[in-house]
Amino acid sequence: MSGPIRTELPPDTSIGYEAFRRRVRTAVEQSRTPITVGELAERLIATADVNAYAVIHDALYRDHLQSLDVEGALVFDMDVGLVYSAGTTDDRRADGSPGK
């Protein structure tokens, strides 16, 4: 894997890159349990537009979640597609799997 690829949000998304990342961190922290990338994308969009959902999901998976994981803001388990709050990695994650 070559690392995160910075992806653009859909043109109809009126939120900047850093503001979007803040929303991602907040949504993960508020979930209290591991959350799938799909569930996270659903929480972040205010429209039922399937195309916007696909773009947001792709941006999360290919860029934002990997970068935020590297920064230590959250934990992204790419193998199973789950996102954890950074606080769940001390000893064991919420699902019982080993932390980083």
PDB file of N, CA and C in Angstrom:
ATOM      1  N   MET A   1       0.851  -1.169   0.000  1.00  0.00           N
ATOM      2  CA  MET A   1       0.000   0.000   0.000  1.00  0.00           C
ATOM      3  C   MET A   1       0.897   1.233   0.000  1.00  0.00           C
ATOM      4  N   SER A   2       0.566   2.200  -0.787  1.00  0.00           N
ATOM      5  CA  SER A   2       1.388   3.391  -0.919  1.00  0.00           C
ATOM      6  C   SER A   2       0.960   4.528  -0.002  1.00  0.00           C
ATOM      7  N   GLY A   3      -0.054   4.349   0.806  1.00  0.00           N
ATOM      8  CA  GLY A   3      -0.496   5.387   1.720  1.00  0.00           C
ATOM      9  C   GLY A   3      -1.731   6.099   1.229  1.00  0.00           C
ATOM     10  N   PRO A   4      -2.207   7.065   2.023  1.00  0.00           N
ATOM     11  CA  PRO A   4      -3.439   7.765   1.671  1.00  0.00           C
ATOM     12  C   PRO A   4      -3.302   8.576   0.392  1.00  0.00           C
ATOM     13  N   ILE A   5      -4.393   8.663  -0.315  1.00  0.00           N
ATOM     14  CA  ILE A   5      -4.480   9.475  -1.527  1.00  0.00           C
ATOM     15  C   ILE A   5      -5.459  10.597  -1.225  1.00  0.00           C
ATOM     16  N   ARG A   6      -5.013  11.838  -1.332  1.00  0.00           N
ATOM     17  CA  ARG A   6      -5.912  12.960  -1.018  1.00  0.00           C
ATOM     18  C   ARG A   6      -6.997  13.039  -2.071  1.00  0.00           C
ATOM     19  N   THR A   7      -8.223  12.852  -1.636  1.00  0.00           N
ATOM     20  CA  THR A   7      -9.359  12.873  -2.546  1.00  0.00           C
ATOM     21  C   THR A   7     -10.171  14.132  -2.321  1.00  0.00           C
ATOM     22  N   GLU A   8     -10.822  14.555  -3.356  1.00  0.00           N
ATOM     23  CA  GLU A   8     -11.666  15.736  -3.278  1.00  0.00           C
ATOM     24  C   GLU A   8     -13.076  15.327  -2.876  1.00  0.00           C
ATOM     25  N   LEU A   9     -13.722  16.176  -2.111  1.00  0.00           N
ATOM     26  CA  LEU A   9     -15.109  15.958  -1.751  1.00  0.00           C
ATOM     27  C   LEU A   9     -15.980  16.385  -2.914  1.00  0.00           C
ATOM     28  N   PRO A  10     -17.220  15.907  -2.978  1.00  0.00           N
ATOM     29  CA  PRO A  10     -18.079  16.290  -4.092  1.00  0.00           C
ATOM     30  C   PRO A  10     -18.265  17.802  -4.150  1.00  0.00           C
ATOM     31  N   PRO A  11     -18.415  18.350  -5.355  1.00  0.00           N
ATOM     32  CA  PRO A  11     -18.549  19.797  -5.504  1.00  0.00           C
ATOM     33  C   PRO A  11     -19.721  20.385  -4.730  1.00  0.00           C
ATOM     34  N   ASP A  12     -20.784  19.597  -4.520  1.00  0.00           N
ATOM     35  CA  ASP A  12     -21.938  20.122  -3.789  1.00  0.00           C
ATOM     36  C   ASP A  12     -21.743  20.069  -2.277  1.00  0.00           C
ATOM     37  N   THR A  13     -20.592  19.590  -1.826  1.00  0.00           N
ATOM     38  CA  THR A  13     -20.292  19.554  -0.397  1.00  0.00           C
ATOM     39  C   THR A  13     -19.705  20.900  -0.016  1.00  0.00           C
ATOM     40  N   SER A  14     -20.424  21.652   0.779  1.00  0.00           N
ATOM     41  CA  SER A  14     -19.984  22.999   1.127  1.00  0.00           C
ATOM     42  C   SER A  14     -19.174  22.984   2.426  1.00  0.00           C
ATOM     43  N   ILE A  15     -18.192  22.112   2.478  1.00  0.00           N
ATOM     44  CA  ILE A  15     -17.348  22.019   3.661  1.00  0.00           C
ATOM     45  C   ILE A  15     -15.920  21.793   3.196  1.00  0.00           C
ATOM     46  N   GLY A  16     -14.983  22.443   3.836  1.00  0.00           N
ATOM     47  CA  GLY A  16     -13.579  22.310   3.466  1.00  0.00           C
ATOM     48  C   GLY A  16     -12.957  21.026   3.989  1.00  0.00           C
ATOM     49  N   TYR A  17     -11.761  20.758   3.539  1.00  0.00           N
ATOM     50  CA  TYR A  17     -11.031  19.535   3.875  1.00  0.00           C
ATOM     51  C   TYR A  17     -10.860  19.370   5.385  1.00  0.00           C
ATOM     52  N   GLU A  18     -10.319  20.379   6.057  1.00  0.00           N
ATOM     53  CA  GLU A  18     -10.079  20.279   7.502  1.00  0.00           C
ATOM     54  C   GLU A  18     -11.388  20.231   8.292  1.00  0.00           C
ATOM     55  N   ALA A  19     -12.389  20.987   7.874  1.00  0.00           N
ATOM     56  CA  ALA A  19     -13.687  20.951   8.558  1.00  0.00           C
ATOM     57  C   ALA A  19     -14.305  19.564   8.428  1.00  0.00           C
ATOM     58  N   PHE A  20     -14.156  18.949   7.273  1.00  0.00           N
ATOM     59  CA  PHE A  20     -14.669  17.598   7.064  1.00  0.00           C
ATOM     60  C   PHE A  20     -13.970  16.621   8.005  1.00  0.00           C
ATOM     61  N   ARG A  21     -12.659  16.753   8.133  1.00  0.00           N
ATOM     62  CA  ARG A  21     -11.899  15.866   9.017  1.00  0.00           C
ATOM     63  C   ARG A  21     -12.323  16.045  10.478  1.00  0.00           C
ATOM     64  N   ARG A  22     -12.638  17.269  10.876  1.00  0.00           N
ATOM     65  CA  ARG A  22     -13.142  17.500  12.243  1.00  0.00           C
ATOM     66  C   ARG A  22     -14.470  16.778  12.439  1.00  0.00           C
ATOM     67  N   ARG A  23     -15.337  16.845  11.413  1.00  0.00           N
ATOM     68  CA  ARG A  23     -16.637  16.147  11.492  1.00  0.00           C
ATOM     69  C   ARG A  23     -16.433  14.640  11.588  1.00  0.00           C
ATOM     70  N   VAL A  24     -15.450  14.113  10.877  1.00  0.00           N
ATOM     71  CA  VAL A  24     -15.146  12.680  10.934  1.00  0.00           C
ATOM     72  C   VAL A  24     -14.729  12.303  12.359  1.00  0.00           C
ATOM     73  N   ARG A  25     -13.782  13.039  12.924  1.00  0.00           N
ATOM     74  CA  ARG A  25     -13.317  12.748  14.292  1.00  0.00           C
ATOM     75  C   ARG A  25     -14.468  12.810  15.292  1.00  0.00           C
ATOM     76  N   THR A  26     -15.295  13.829  15.183  1.00  0.00           N
ATOM     77  CA  THR A  26     -16.429  13.986  16.097  1.00  0.00           C
ATOM     78  C   THR A  26     -17.400  12.819  15.976  1.00  0.00           C
ATOM     79  N   ALA A  27     -17.728  12.424  14.751  1.00  0.00           N
ATOM     80  CA  ALA A  27     -18.661  11.309  14.542  1.00  0.00           C
ATOM     81  C   ALA A  27     -18.115  10.012  15.111  1.00  0.00           C
ATOM     82  N   VAL A  28     -16.816   9.770  14.957  1.00  0.00           N
ATOM     83  CA  VAL A  28     -16.206   8.547  15.488  1.00  0.00           C
ATOM     84  C   VAL A  28     -16.226   8.582  17.010  1.00  0.00           C
ATOM     85  N   GLU A  29     -15.871   9.710  17.607  1.00  0.00           N
ATOM     86  CA  GLU A  29     -15.869   9.830  19.061  1.00  0.00           C
ATOM     87  C   GLU A  29     -17.270   9.644  19.636  1.00  0.00           C
ATOM     88  N   GLN A  30     -18.284  10.149  18.956  1.00  0.00           N
ATOM     89  CA  GLN A  30     -19.656  10.054  19.448  1.00  0.00           C
ATOM     90  C   GLN A  30     -20.250   8.664  19.282  1.00  0.00           C
ATOM     91  N   SER A  31     -19.674   7.840  18.424  1.00  0.00           N
ATOM     92  CA  SER A  31     -20.249   6.516  18.165  1.00  0.00           C
ATOM     93  C   SER A  31     -20.091   5.573  19.349  1.00  0.00           C
ATOM     94  N   ARG A  32     -19.061   5.729  20.167  1.00  0.00           N
ATOM     95  CA  ARG A  32     -18.802   4.923  21.365  1.00  0.00           C
ATOM     96  C   ARG A  32     -18.527   3.456  21.079  1.00  0.00           C
ATOM     97  N   THR A  33     -18.737   3.004  19.885  1.00  0.00           N
ATOM     98  CA  THR A  33     -18.418   1.640  19.483  1.00  0.00           C
ATOM     99  C   THR A  33     -17.755   1.722  18.121  1.00  0.00           C
ATOM    100  N   PRO A  34     -17.107   0.653  17.695  1.00  0.00           N
ATOM    101  CA  PRO A  34     -16.556   0.704  16.334  1.00  0.00           C
ATOM    102  C   PRO A  34     -17.662   0.995  15.329  1.00  0.00           C
ATOM    103  N   ILE A  35     -17.323   1.723  14.298  1.00  0.00           N
ATOM    104  CA  ILE A  35     -18.285   2.112  13.284  1.00  0.00           C
ATOM    105  C   ILE A  35     -17.729   1.720  11.919  1.00  0.00           C
ATOM    106  N   THR A  36     -18.577   1.234  11.041  1.00  0.00           N
ATOM    107  CA  THR A  36     -18.103   0.898   9.703  1.00  0.00           C
ATOM    108  C   THR A  36     -17.928   2.166   8.886  1.00  0.00           C
ATOM    109  N   VAL A  37     -17.134   2.062   7.828  1.00  0.00           N
ATOM    110  CA  VAL A  37     -16.936   3.206   6.946  1.00  0.00           C
ATOM    111  C   VAL A  37     -18.272   3.626   6.334  1.00  0.00           C
ATOM    112  N   GLY A  38     -19.122   2.663   5.986  1.00  0.00           N
ATOM    113  CA  GLY A  38     -20.440   2.973   5.421  1.00  0.00           C
ATOM    114  C   GLY A  38     -21.324   3.725   6.396  1.00  0.00           C
ATOM    115  N   GLU A  39     -21.335   3.282   7.663  1.00  0.00           N
ATOM    116  CA  GLU A  39     -22.141   3.985   8.675  1.00  0.00           C
ATOM    117  C   GLU A  39     -21.620   5.400   8.887  1.00  0.00           C
ATOM    118  N   LEU A  40     -20.302   5.534   8.888  1.00  0.00           N
ATOM    119  CA  LEU A  40     -19.706   6.850   9.060  1.00  0.00           C
ATOM    120  C   LEU A  40     -20.075   7.767   7.898  1.00  0.00           C
ATOM    121  N   ALA A  41     -20.017   7.248   6.676  1.00  0.00           N
ATOM    122  CA  ALA A  41     -20.399   8.047   5.507  1.00  0.00           C
ATOM    123  C   ALA A  41     -21.854   8.492   5.609  1.00  0.00           C
ATOM    124  N   GLU A  42     -22.734   7.588   6.049  1.00  0.00           N
ATOM    125  CA  GLU A  42     -24.151   7.933   6.198  1.00  0.00           C
ATOM    126  C   GLU A  42     -24.347   9.049   7.212  1.00  0.00           C
ATOM    127  N   ARG A  43     -23.583   9.024   8.293  1.00  0.00           N
ATOM    128  CA  ARG A  43     -23.704  10.075   9.312  1.00  0.00           C
ATOM    129  C   ARG A  43     -23.202  11.419   8.809  1.00  0.00           C
ATOM    130  N   LEU A  44     -22.292  11.391   7.860  1.00  0.00           N
ATOM    131  CA  LEU A  44     -21.661  12.630   7.415  1.00  0.00           C
ATOM    132  C   LEU A  44     -22.387  13.334   6.281  1.00  0.00           C
ATOM    133  N   ILE A  45     -23.274  12.641   5.610  1.00  0.00           N
ATOM    134  CA  ILE A  45     -23.978  13.292   4.501  1.00  0.00           C
ATOM    135  C   ILE A  45     -25.382  13.674   4.925  1.00  0.00           C
ATOM    136  N   ALA A  46     -25.833  14.784   4.409  1.00  0.00           N
ATOM    137  CA  ALA A  46     -27.168  15.270   4.759  1.00  0.00           C
ATOM    138  C   ALA A  46     -28.155  14.999   3.637  1.00  0.00           C
ATOM    139  N   THR A  47     -27.752  14.230   2.647  1.00  0.00           N
ATOM    140  CA  THR A  47     -28.602  13.959   1.503  1.00  0.00           C
ATOM    141  C   THR A  47     -28.618  12.463   1.229  1.00  0.00           C
ATOM    142  N   ALA A  48     -29.632  11.999   0.568  1.00  0.00           N
ATOM    143  CA  ALA A  48     -29.731  10.590   0.203  1.00  0.00           C
ATOM    144  C   ALA A  48     -29.154  10.335  -1.190  1.00  0.00           C
ATOM    145  N   ASP A  49     -28.423  11.307  -1.720  1.00  0.00           N
ATOM    146  CA  ASP A  49     -27.828  11.188  -3.049  1.00  0.00           C
ATOM    147  C   ASP A  49     -26.792  10.071  -3.054  1.00  0.00           C
ATOM    148  N   VAL A  50     -27.080   9.006  -3.783  1.00  0.00           N
ATOM    149  CA  VAL A  50     -26.203   7.837  -3.807  1.00  0.00           C
ATOM    150  C   VAL A  50     -24.823   8.199  -4.329  1.00  0.00           C
ATOM    151  N   ASN A  51     -24.732   9.062  -5.323  1.00  0.00           N
ATOM    152  CA  ASN A  51     -23.426   9.449  -5.852  1.00  0.00           C
ATOM    153  C   ASN A  51     -22.593  10.169  -4.804  1.00  0.00           C
ATOM    154  N   ALA A  52     -23.215  11.049  -4.035  1.00  0.00           N
ATOM    155  CA  ALA A  52     -22.492  11.743  -2.974  1.00  0.00           C
ATOM    156  C   ALA A  52     -22.038  10.742  -1.922  1.00  0.00           C
ATOM    157  N   TYR A  53     -22.887   9.781  -1.597  1.00  0.00           N
ATOM    158  CA  TYR A  53     -22.515   8.758  -0.625  1.00  0.00           C
ATOM    159  C   TYR A  53     -21.270   8.015  -1.097  1.00  0.00           C
ATOM    160  N   ALA A  54     -21.249   7.615  -2.347  1.00  0.00           N
ATOM    161  CA  ALA A  54     -20.119   6.849  -2.879  1.00  0.00           C
ATOM    162  C   ALA A  54     -18.829   7.672  -2.834  1.00  0.00           C
ATOM    163  N   VAL A  55     -18.919   8.949  -3.165  1.00  0.00           N
ATOM    164  CA  VAL A  55     -17.734   9.807  -3.147  1.00  0.00           C
ATOM    165  C   VAL A  55     -17.239  10.000  -1.722  1.00  0.00           C
ATOM    166  N   ILE A  56     -18.160  10.251  -0.791  1.00  0.00           N
ATOM    167  CA  ILE A  56     -17.786  10.425   0.614  1.00  0.00           C
ATOM    168  C   ILE A  56     -17.164   9.140   1.153  1.00  0.00           C
ATOM    169  N   HIS A  57     -17.775   8.002   0.884  1.00  0.00           N
ATOM    170  CA  HIS A  57     -17.256   6.710   1.344  1.00  0.00           C
ATOM    171  C   HIS A  57     -15.840   6.498   0.806  1.00  0.00           C
ATOM    172  N   ASP A  58     -15.640   6.765  -0.481  1.00  0.00           N
ATOM    173  CA  ASP A  58     -14.325   6.592  -1.091  1.00  0.00           C
ATOM    174  C   ASP A  58     -13.304   7.540  -0.477  1.00  0.00           C
ATOM    175  N   ALA A  59     -13.692   8.801  -0.263  1.00  0.00           N
ATOM    176  CA  ALA A  59     -12.782   9.778   0.340  1.00  0.00           C
ATOM    177  C   ALA A  59     -12.394   9.356   1.753  1.00  0.00           C
ATOM    178  N   LEU A  60     -13.351   8.847   2.505  1.00  0.00           N
ATOM    179  CA  LEU A  60     -13.053   8.364   3.847  1.00  0.00           C
ATOM    180  C   LEU A  60     -12.070   7.208   3.789  1.00  0.00           C
ATOM    181  N   TYR A  61     -12.372   6.220   2.972  1.00  0.00           N
ATOM    182  CA  TYR A  61     -11.579   4.998   2.918  1.00  0.00           C
ATOM    183  C   TYR A  61     -10.178   5.237   2.368  1.00  0.00           C
ATOM    184  N   ARG A  62     -10.052   6.019   1.317  1.00  0.00           N
ATOM    185  CA  ARG A  62      -8.776   6.181   0.630  1.00  0.00           C
ATOM    186  C   ARG A  62      -7.906   7.293   1.185  1.00  0.00           C
ATOM    187  N   ASP A  63      -8.469   8.212   1.945  1.00  0.00           N
ATOM    188  CA  ASP A  63      -7.691   9.370   2.376  1.00  0.00           C
ATOM    189  C   ASP A  63      -7.861   9.682   3.857  1.00  0.00           C
ATOM    190  N   HIS A  64      -9.010  10.190   4.200  1.00  0.00           N
ATOM    191  CA  HIS A  64      -9.202  10.782   5.528  1.00  0.00           C
ATOM    192  C   HIS A  64      -8.945   9.815   6.680  1.00  0.00           C
ATOM    193  N   LEU A  65      -9.503   8.622   6.613  1.00  0.00           N
ATOM    194  CA  LEU A  65      -9.352   7.693   7.733  1.00  0.00           C
ATOM    195  C   LEU A  65      -7.912   7.231   7.888  1.00  0.00           C
ATOM    196  N   GLN A  66      -7.212   6.999   6.794  1.00  0.00           N
ATOM    197  CA  GLN A  66      -5.806   6.603   6.878  1.00  0.00           C
ATOM    198  C   GLN A  66      -4.958   7.722   7.484  1.00  0.00           C
ATOM    199  N   SER A  67      -5.184   8.945   7.029  1.00  0.00           N
ATOM    200  CA  SER A  67      -4.424  10.090   7.538  1.00  0.00           C
ATOM    201  C   SER A  67      -4.701  10.331   9.015  1.00  0.00           C
ATOM    202  N   LEU A  68      -5.985  10.280   9.392  1.00  0.00           N
ATOM    203  CA  LEU A  68      -6.338  10.495  10.796  1.00  0.00           C
ATOM    204  C   LEU A  68      -5.788   9.380  11.677  1.00  0.00           C
ATOM    205  N   ASP A  69      -5.686   8.173  11.153  1.00  0.00           N
ATOM    206  CA  ASP A  69      -5.082   7.059  11.889  1.00  0.00           C
ATOM    207  C   ASP A  69      -3.599   7.331  12.112  1.00  0.00           C
ATOM    208  N   VAL A  70      -2.902   7.750  11.080  1.00  0.00           N
ATOM    209  CA  VAL A  70      -1.473   8.058  11.192  1.00  0.00           C
ATOM    210  C   VAL A  70      -1.245   9.165  12.216  1.00  0.00           C
ATOM    211  N   GLU A  71      -2.133  10.150  12.253  1.00  0.00           N
ATOM    212  CA  GLU A  71      -2.023  11.265  13.203  1.00  0.00           C
ATOM    213  C   GLU A  71      -2.376  10.856  14.623  1.00  0.00           C
ATOM    214  N   GLY A  72      -2.996   9.686  14.796  1.00  0.00           N
ATOM    215  CA  GLY A  72      -3.401   9.228  16.118  1.00  0.00           C
ATOM    216  C   GLY A  72      -4.745   9.759  16.573  1.00  0.00           C
ATOM    217  N   ALA A  73      -5.505  10.391  15.660  1.00  0.00           N
ATOM    218  CA  ALA A  73      -6.801  10.968  16.013  1.00  0.00           C
ATOM    219  C   ALA A  73      -7.883   9.909  16.147  1.00  0.00           C
ATOM    220  N   LEU A  74      -7.691   8.765  15.477  1.00  0.00           N
ATOM    221  CA  LEU A  74      -8.612   7.638  15.540  1.00  0.00           C
ATOM    222  C   LEU A  74      -7.847   6.415  15.069  1.00  0.00           C
ATOM    223  N   VAL A  75      -8.501   5.263  15.093  1.00  0.00           N
ATOM    224  CA  VAL A  75      -7.879   4.038  14.595  1.00  0.00           C
ATOM    225  C   VAL A  75      -8.747   3.505  13.467  1.00  0.00           C
ATOM    226  N   PHE A  76      -8.135   3.281  12.309  1.00  0.00           N
ATOM    227  CA  PHE A  76      -8.839   2.754  11.155  1.00  0.00           C
ATOM    228  C   PHE A  76      -8.289   1.370  10.853  1.00  0.00           C
ATOM    229  N   ASP A  77      -9.108   0.360  11.048  1.00  0.00           N
ATOM    230  CA  ASP A  77      -8.734  -1.014  10.717  1.00  0.00           C
ATOM    231  C   ASP A  77      -9.201  -1.269   9.288  1.00  0.00           C
ATOM    232  N   MET A  78      -8.309  -1.060   8.359  1.00  0.00           N
ATOM    233  CA  MET A  78      -8.636  -1.139   6.937  1.00  0.00           C
ATOM    234  C   MET A  78      -9.038  -2.557   6.531  1.00  0.00           C
ATOM    235  N   ASP A  79      -8.475  -3.562   7.198  1.00  0.00           N
ATOM    236  CA  ASP A  79      -8.778  -4.955   6.845  1.00  0.00           C
ATOM    237  C   ASP A  79     -10.244  -5.301   7.037  1.00  0.00           C
ATOM    238  N   VAL A  80     -10.852  -4.791   8.099  1.00  0.00           N
ATOM    239  CA  VAL A  80     -12.252  -5.106   8.372  1.00  0.00           C
ATOM    240  C   VAL A  80     -13.185  -3.918   8.151  1.00  0.00           C
ATOM    241  N   GLY A  81     -12.612  -2.755   7.834  1.00  0.00           N
ATOM    242  CA  GLY A  81     -13.420  -1.580   7.530  1.00  0.00           C
ATOM    243  C   GLY A  81     -14.077  -0.954   8.739  1.00  0.00           C
ATOM    244  N   LEU A  82     -13.431  -1.052   9.906  1.00  0.00           N
ATOM    245  CA  LEU A  82     -13.984  -0.458  11.120  1.00  0.00           C
ATOM    246  C   LEU A  82     -13.135   0.715  11.578  1.00  0.00           C
ATOM    247  N   VAL A  83     -13.805   1.697  12.178  1.00  0.00           N
ATOM    248  CA  VAL A  83     -13.140   2.875  12.701  1.00  0.00           C
ATOM    249  C   VAL A  83     -13.405   2.917  14.201  1.00  0.00           C
ATOM    250  N   TYR A  84     -12.346   3.146  14.956  1.00  0.00           N
ATOM    251  CA  TYR A  84     -12.422   3.180  16.413  1.00  0.00           C
ATOM    252  C   TYR A  84     -11.998   4.549  16.916  1.00  0.00           C
ATOM    253  N   SER A  85     -12.549   4.935  18.031  1.00  0.00           N
ATOM    254  CA  SER A  85     -12.079   6.121  18.720  1.00  0.00           C
ATOM    255  C   SER A  85     -10.650   5.837  19.181  1.00  0.00           C
ATOM    256  N   ALA A  86      -9.799   6.831  19.194  1.00  0.00           N
ATOM    257  CA  ALA A  86      -8.397   6.640  19.586  1.00  0.00           C
ATOM    258  C   ALA A  86      -8.285   6.051  20.989  1.00  0.00           C
ATOM    259  N   GLY A  87      -9.224   6.332  21.855  1.00  0.00           N
ATOM    260  CA  GLY A  87      -9.182   5.840  23.230  1.00  0.00           C
ATOM    261  C   GLY A  87      -9.436   4.353  23.375  1.00  0.00           C
ATOM    262  N   THR A  88      -9.884   3.669  22.349  1.00  0.00           N
ATOM    263  CA  THR A  88     -10.193   2.243  22.463  1.00  0.00           C
ATOM    264  C   THR A  88      -8.999   1.360  22.168  1.00  0.00           C
ATOM    265  N   THR A  89      -7.833   1.944  21.924  1.00  0.00           N
ATOM    266  CA  THR A  89      -6.689   1.138  21.512  1.00  0.00           C
ATOM    267  C   THR A  89      -5.697   0.861  22.624  1.00  0.00           C
ATOM    268  N   ASP A  90      -5.971   1.297  23.841  1.00  0.00           N
ATOM    269  CA  ASP A  90      -4.995   1.119  24.906  1.00  0.00           C
ATOM    270  C   ASP A  90      -4.582  -0.334  25.072  1.00  0.00           C
ATOM    271  N   ASP A  91      -5.524  -1.213  25.387  1.00  0.00           N
ATOM    272  CA  ASP A  91      -5.207  -2.627  25.533  1.00  0.00           C
ATOM    273  C   ASP A  91      -5.982  -3.466  24.535  1.00  0.00           C
ATOM    274  N   ARG A  92      -7.285  -3.254  24.487  1.00  0.00           N
ATOM    275  CA  ARG A  92      -8.127  -4.004  23.564  1.00  0.00           C
ATOM    276  C   ARG A  92      -9.183  -3.072  23.018  1.00  0.00           C
ATOM    277  N   ARG A  93      -9.579  -3.309  21.798  1.00  0.00           N
ATOM    278  CA  ARG A  93     -10.611  -2.499  21.172  1.00  0.00           C
ATOM    279  C   ARG A  93     -11.970  -2.925  21.702  1.00  0.00           C
ATOM    280  N   ALA A  94     -12.979  -2.146  21.351  1.00  0.00           N
ATOM    281  CA  ALA A  94     -14.333  -2.403  21.833  1.00  0.00           C
ATOM    282  C   ALA A  94     -14.839  -3.786  21.430  1.00  0.00           C
ATOM    283  N   ASP A  95     -14.377  -4.331  20.297  1.00  0.00           N
ATOM    284  CA  ASP A  95     -14.843  -5.650  19.860  1.00  0.00           C
ATOM    285  C   ASP A  95     -13.990  -6.771  20.443  1.00  0.00           C
ATOM    286  N   GLY A  96     -13.005  -6.431  21.274  1.00  0.00           N
ATOM    287  CA  GLY A  96     -12.172  -7.446  21.906  1.00  0.00           C
ATOM    288  C   GLY A  96     -10.901  -7.752  21.144  1.00  0.00           C
ATOM    289  N   SER A  97     -10.725  -7.187  19.953  1.00  0.00           N
ATOM    290  CA  SER A  97      -9.495  -7.458  19.212  1.00  0.00           C
ATOM    291  C   SER A  97      -8.358  -6.641  19.797  1.00  0.00           C
ATOM    292  N   PRO A  98      -7.114  -7.098  19.604  1.00  0.00           N
ATOM    293  CA  PRO A  98      -5.978  -6.375  20.167  1.00  0.00           C
ATOM    294  C   PRO A  98      -5.883  -4.962  19.616  1.00  0.00           C
ATOM    295  N   GLY A  99      -5.464  -4.028  20.436  1.00  0.00           N
ATOM    296  CA  GLY A  99      -5.212  -2.666  19.991  1.00  0.00           C
ATOM    297  C   GLY A  99      -3.907  -2.595  19.247  1.00  0.00           C
ATOM    298  N   LYS A 100      -3.581  -1.418  18.740  1.00  0.00           N
ATOM    299  CA  LYS A 100      -2.313  -1.246  18.006  1.00  0.00           C
ATOM    300  C   LYS A 100      -1.131  -1.327  18.934  1.00  0.00           C
TER     301      LYS A 100
END
